Amino acid sequence: MSTIYDIHVHKPDGETQSMNDYNGKVLLIVNTASKCGFTPQFKELQALYEQYKEQGLVVLGFPCDQFNNQEFDNMKETMEFCQLNFGVNFPMYAKVDVKGEQAAPLFAYLTQAKKGLLGSDIKWNFTKFLINRKGEVVDRYAPQTNPAKLAKDIEKLL
């Protein structure tokens, strides 16, 4: 696979979607979890999305259950939790693995493109990847990085 746009992801309903649908957009891709200490970041992620979506930002959430089983088993519960508690209306996708042999192709691509403190492995929920309009992975942010602090980096790409 040569670019992020060659990757397909799964929606919560099981349908497949091409990342090429986001070609020309600035993307903030996040592995999320509903029952994590960082879960309140959904509020800031939603605020970034609302502030910059008209300029071309799309936040994409990918629930993950690999870190202390902090995600609901049922995707419907995950979606309702995010919408009711944090007003999330940015695209959310089906639960994925973000590390290991079963890592989703998107996260295998992202972690190879931008290594973190643990090399290519993601260390926890709410690791964030910023992708420019050309589909290049520009930066990777640690789970504890508050999404509001990404605003300047996002603005540079818009």
C-alpha atoms as a PDB file:
ATOM      1  CA  MET A   1       0.000   0.000   0.000  1.00  0.00           C
ATOM      2  CA  SER A   2       1.549   3.271  -1.045  1.00  0.00           C
ATOM      3  CA  THR A   3      -0.630   5.979   0.499  1.00  0.00           C
ATOM      4  CA  ILE A   4      -3.213   6.392   3.226  1.00  0.00           C
ATOM      5  CA  TYR A   5      -5.787   6.766   0.443  1.00  0.00           C
ATOM      6  CA  ASP A   6      -5.306   3.120  -0.577  1.00  0.00           C
ATOM      7  CA  ILE A   7      -6.629   1.930   2.797  1.00  0.00           C
ATOM      8  CA  HIS A   8     -10.201   0.876   3.521  1.00  0.00           C
ATOM      9  CA  VAL A   9     -11.799   1.150   6.971  1.00  0.00           C
ATOM     10  CA  HIS A  10     -14.983  -0.252   8.474  1.00  0.00           C
ATOM     11  CA  LYS A  11     -17.916   1.833   9.622  1.00  0.00           C
ATOM     12  CA  PRO A  12     -19.814   0.844  12.793  1.00  0.00           C
ATOM     13  CA  ASP A  13     -22.496  -0.818  10.634  1.00  0.00           C
ATOM     14  CA  GLY A  14     -19.864  -3.025   8.979  1.00  0.00           C
ATOM     15  CA  GLU A  15     -19.793  -1.188   5.661  1.00  0.00           C
ATOM     16  CA  THR A  16     -16.381  -0.524   4.158  1.00  0.00           C
ATOM     17  CA  GLN A  17     -15.226   2.990   3.306  1.00  0.00           C
ATOM     18  CA  SER A  18     -12.171   4.111   1.373  1.00  0.00           C
ATOM     19  CA  MET A  19      -9.855   6.604   3.024  1.00  0.00           C
ATOM     20  CA  ASN A  20      -9.706   8.146  -0.451  1.00  0.00           C
ATOM     21  CA  ASP A  21     -13.047   9.747   0.465  1.00  0.00           C
ATOM     22  CA  TYR A  22     -10.939  12.114   2.594  1.00  0.00           C
ATOM     23  CA  ASN A  23      -8.438  12.984  -0.137  1.00  0.00           C
ATOM     24  CA  GLY A  24      -7.683  16.713   0.071  1.00  0.00           C
ATOM     25  CA  LYS A  25      -8.806  17.013   3.712  1.00  0.00           C
ATOM     26  CA  VAL A  26      -6.707  17.543   6.836  1.00  0.00           C
ATOM     27  CA  LEU A  27      -7.276  14.541   9.091  1.00  0.00           C
ATOM     28  CA  LEU A  28      -6.904  14.037  12.812  1.00  0.00           C
ATOM     29  CA  ILE A  29      -7.083  10.281  13.424  1.00  0.00           C
ATOM     30  CA  VAL A  30      -7.507   9.087  17.020  1.00  0.00           C
ATOM     31  CA  ASN A  31      -7.781   5.691  18.677  1.00  0.00           C
ATOM     32  CA  THR A  32     -10.501   6.217  21.255  1.00  0.00           C
ATOM     33  CA  ALA A  33     -11.992   4.422  24.250  1.00  0.00           C
ATOM     34  CA  SER A  34     -15.222   5.160  26.085  1.00  0.00           C
ATOM     35  CA  LYS A  35     -14.069   4.174  29.576  1.00  0.00           C
ATOM     36  CA  CYS A  36     -10.580   5.684  29.663  1.00  0.00           C
ATOM     37  CA  GLY A  37      -9.161   8.467  31.809  1.00  0.00           C
ATOM     38  CA  PHE A  38      -8.610  10.410  28.575  1.00  0.00           C
ATOM     39  CA  THR A  39     -12.244   9.990  27.435  1.00  0.00           C
ATOM     40  CA  PRO A  40     -13.065  13.661  28.242  1.00  0.00           C
ATOM     41  CA  GLN A  41     -10.843  14.495  25.249  1.00  0.00           C
ATOM     42  CA  PHE A  42     -13.883  13.709  23.101  1.00  0.00           C
ATOM     43  CA  LYS A  43     -15.151  17.174  24.056  1.00  0.00           C
ATOM     44  CA  GLU A  44     -12.009  18.907  22.726  1.00  0.00           C
ATOM     45  CA  LEU A  45     -11.891  16.700  19.628  1.00  0.00           C
ATOM     46  CA  GLN A  46     -15.488  17.674  18.872  1.00  0.00           C
ATOM     47  CA  ALA A  47     -14.644  21.363  19.452  1.00  0.00           C
ATOM     48  CA  LEU A  48     -11.731  21.157  16.981  1.00  0.00           C
ATOM     49  CA  TYR A  49     -13.972  19.458  14.449  1.00  0.00           C
ATOM     50  CA  GLU A  50     -16.672  22.116  14.785  1.00  0.00           C
ATOM     51  CA  GLN A  51     -14.161  24.958  14.635  1.00  0.00           C
ATOM     52  CA  TYR A  52     -12.278  23.775  11.548  1.00  0.00           C
ATOM     53  CA  LYS A  53     -14.539  21.437   9.557  1.00  0.00           C
ATOM     54  CA  GLU A  54     -15.617  24.184   7.136  1.00  0.00           C
ATOM     55  CA  GLN A  55     -11.929  24.751   6.363  1.00  0.00           C
ATOM     56  CA  GLY A  56     -11.333  21.071   5.636  1.00  0.00           C
ATOM     57  CA  LEU A  57     -10.550  19.300   8.930  1.00  0.00           C
ATOM     58  CA  VAL A  58     -12.067  15.904   9.610  1.00  0.00           C
ATOM     59  CA  VAL A  59     -11.600  14.151  12.958  1.00  0.00           C
ATOM     60  CA  LEU A  60     -11.851  10.357  12.685  1.00  0.00           C
ATOM     61  CA  GLY A  61     -12.380   8.227  15.785  1.00  0.00           C
ATOM     62  CA  PHE A  62     -11.461   4.551  15.930  1.00  0.00           C
ATOM     63  CA  PRO A  63     -12.569   2.809  19.142  1.00  0.00           C
ATOM     64  CA  CYS A  64     -10.027   0.363  20.523  1.00  0.00           C
ATOM     65  CA  ASP A  65     -10.303  -2.192  23.314  1.00  0.00           C
ATOM     66  CA  GLN A  66      -6.620  -3.202  23.525  1.00  0.00           C
ATOM     67  CA  PHE A  67      -5.752  -1.134  26.595  1.00  0.00           C
ATOM     68  CA  ASN A  68      -7.409  -2.486  29.765  1.00  0.00           C
ATOM     69  CA  ASN A  69     -10.669  -3.290  27.921  1.00  0.00           C
ATOM     70  CA  GLN A  70     -11.894   0.300  28.090  1.00  0.00           C
ATOM     71  CA  GLU A  71     -14.383   0.090  25.239  1.00  0.00           C
ATOM     72  CA  PHE A  72     -17.927  -1.259  25.138  1.00  0.00           C
ATOM     73  CA  ASP A  73     -18.397  -4.640  23.457  1.00  0.00           C
ATOM     74  CA  ASN A  74     -21.298  -3.330  21.414  1.00  0.00           C
ATOM     75  CA  MET A  75     -20.612  -0.588  18.842  1.00  0.00           C
ATOM     76  CA  LYS A  76     -24.114   0.805  19.338  1.00  0.00           C
ATOM     77  CA  GLU A  77     -23.264   1.468  23.004  1.00  0.00           C
ATOM     78  CA  THR A  78     -20.014   3.162  21.975  1.00  0.00           C
ATOM     79  CA  MET A  79     -21.756   5.424  19.475  1.00  0.00           C
ATOM     80  CA  GLU A  80     -24.539   6.368  21.904  1.00  0.00           C
ATOM     81  CA  PHE A  81     -22.041   7.041  24.696  1.00  0.00           C
ATOM     82  CA  CYS A  82     -19.977   9.386  22.510  1.00  0.00           C
ATOM     83  CA  GLN A  83     -22.998  11.245  21.171  1.00  0.00           C
ATOM     84  CA  LEU A  84     -24.908  11.584  24.442  1.00  0.00           C
ATOM     85  CA  ASN A  85     -21.975  12.451  26.715  1.00  0.00           C
ATOM     86  CA  PHE A  86     -19.787  14.522  24.402  1.00  0.00           C
ATOM     87  CA  GLY A  87     -21.973  15.513  21.434  1.00  0.00           C
ATOM     88  CA  VAL A  88     -19.657  13.679  19.052  1.00  0.00           C
ATOM     89  CA  ASN A  89     -20.758  13.999  15.446  1.00  0.00           C
ATOM     90  CA  PHE A  90     -17.412  13.562  13.725  1.00  0.00           C
ATOM     91  CA  PRO A  91     -17.011  10.213  11.936  1.00  0.00           C
ATOM     92  CA  MET A  92     -16.556   7.234  14.223  1.00  0.00           C
ATOM     93  CA  TYR A  93     -15.593   3.833  12.885  1.00  0.00           C
ATOM     94  CA  ALA A  94     -15.772   0.193  13.948  1.00  0.00           C
ATOM     95  CA  LYS A  95     -13.621  -1.011  16.821  1.00  0.00           C
ATOM     96  CA  VAL A  96     -10.059  -1.830  15.724  1.00  0.00           C
ATOM     97  CA  ASP A  97      -6.786  -3.163  17.011  1.00  0.00           C
ATOM     98  CA  VAL A  98      -4.103  -0.497  16.801  1.00  0.00           C
ATOM     99  CA  LYS A  99      -1.066  -2.638  17.620  1.00  0.00           C
ATOM    100  CA  GLY A 100       0.159  -6.181  17.221  1.00  0.00           C
ATOM    101  CA  GLU A 101      -0.331  -8.697  14.449  1.00  0.00           C
ATOM    102  CA  GLN A 102      -4.039  -7.909  14.143  1.00  0.00           C
ATOM    103  CA  ALA A 103      -3.556  -4.137  13.878  1.00  0.00           C
ATOM    104  CA  ALA A 104      -5.916  -2.532  11.401  1.00  0.00           C
ATOM    105  CA  PRO A 105      -4.147  -1.584   8.138  1.00  0.00           C
ATOM    106  CA  LEU A 106      -4.755   2.120   8.833  1.00  0.00           C
ATOM    107  CA  PHE A 107      -2.945   1.985  12.173  1.00  0.00           C
ATOM    108  CA  ALA A 108      -0.166  -0.212  10.803  1.00  0.00           C
ATOM    109  CA  TYR A 109       0.358   2.494   8.179  1.00  0.00           C
ATOM    110  CA  LEU A 110       0.183   5.403  10.643  1.00  0.00           C
ATOM    111  CA  THR A 111       2.551   3.858  13.172  1.00  0.00           C
ATOM    112  CA  GLN A 112       5.116   3.040  10.492  1.00  0.00           C
ATOM    113  CA  ALA A 113       4.891   6.560   9.084  1.00  0.00           C
ATOM    114  CA  LYS A 114       5.321   8.279  12.489  1.00  0.00           C
ATOM    115  CA  LYS A 115       7.000   6.428  15.312  1.00  0.00           C
ATOM    116  CA  GLY A 116       6.390   7.305  18.941  1.00  0.00           C
ATOM    117  CA  LEU A 117       8.275   6.792  22.207  1.00  0.00           C
ATOM    118  CA  LEU A 118       7.740   3.038  21.960  1.00  0.00           C
ATOM    119  CA  GLY A 119       8.781   2.881  18.322  1.00  0.00           C
ATOM    120  CA  SER A 120       5.875   1.997  16.101  1.00  0.00           C
ATOM    121  CA  ASP A 121       3.636   0.727  18.922  1.00  0.00           C
ATOM    122  CA  ILE A 122       0.814   2.837  20.266  1.00  0.00           C
ATOM    123  CA  LYS A 123       1.119   2.996  24.037  1.00  0.00           C
ATOM    124  CA  TRP A 124      -2.451   3.925  25.001  1.00  0.00           C
ATOM    125  CA  ASN A 125      -5.861   5.231  23.950  1.00  0.00           C
ATOM    126  CA  PHE A 126      -6.163   8.700  22.437  1.00  0.00           C
ATOM    127  CA  THR A 127      -2.929   8.650  20.458  1.00  0.00           C
ATOM    128  CA  LYS A 128      -3.478  11.205  17.709  1.00  0.00           C
ATOM    129  CA  PHE A 129      -2.142  11.388  14.139  1.00  0.00           C
ATOM    130  CA  LEU A 130      -2.298  14.563  12.051  1.00  0.00           C
ATOM    131  CA  ILE A 131      -2.411  14.079   8.270  1.00  0.00           C
ATOM    132  CA  ASN A 132      -2.061  16.868   5.705  1.00  0.00           C
ATOM    133  CA  ARG A 133      -4.176  17.369   2.578  1.00  0.00           C
ATOM    134  CA  LYS A 134      -1.746  15.227   0.555  1.00  0.00           C
ATOM    135  CA  GLY A 135      -2.269  12.254   2.863  1.00  0.00           C
ATOM    136  CA  GLU A 136       1.126  12.563   4.563  1.00  0.00           C
ATOM    137  CA  VAL A 137       1.407  11.842   8.277  1.00  0.00           C
ATOM    138  CA  VAL A 138       2.710  15.133   9.658  1.00  0.00           C
ATOM    139  CA  ASP A 139       2.733  14.480  13.387  1.00  0.00           C
ATOM    140  CA  ARG A 140       1.863  12.066  16.156  1.00  0.00           C
ATOM    141  CA  TYR A 141       0.696  13.177  19.590  1.00  0.00           C
ATOM    142  CA  ALA A 142       0.786  11.319  22.890  1.00  0.00           C
ATOM    143  CA  PRO A 143      -2.440  10.288  24.617  1.00  0.00           C
ATOM    144  CA  GLN A 144      -2.038  12.943  27.312  1.00  0.00           C
ATOM    145  CA  THR A 145      -1.746  15.747  24.729  1.00  0.00           C
ATOM    146  CA  ASN A 146      -4.906  17.816  25.026  1.00  0.00           C
ATOM    147  CA  PRO A 147      -6.517  18.134  21.572  1.00  0.00           C
ATOM    148  CA  ALA A 148      -6.931  21.901  22.033  1.00  0.00           C
ATOM    149  CA  LYS A 149      -3.116  22.165  21.892  1.00  0.00           C
ATOM    150  CA  LEU A 150      -3.201  20.861  18.317  1.00  0.00           C
ATOM    151  CA  ALA A 151      -5.069  23.893  16.983  1.00  0.00           C
ATOM    152  CA  LYS A 152      -1.948  25.743  15.770  1.00  0.00           C
ATOM    153  CA  ASP A 153      -0.619  22.665  13.992  1.00  0.00           C
ATOM    154  CA  ILE A 154      -4.013  22.114  12.359  1.00  0.00           C
ATOM    155  CA  GLU A 155      -4.243  25.763  11.280  1.00  0.00           C
ATOM    156  CA  LYS A 156      -0.861  25.479   9.507  1.00  0.00           C
ATOM    157  CA  LEU A 157      -2.263  22.660   7.362  1.00  0.00           C
ATOM    158  CA  LEU A 158      -5.577  24.322   6.556  1.00  0.00           C
END
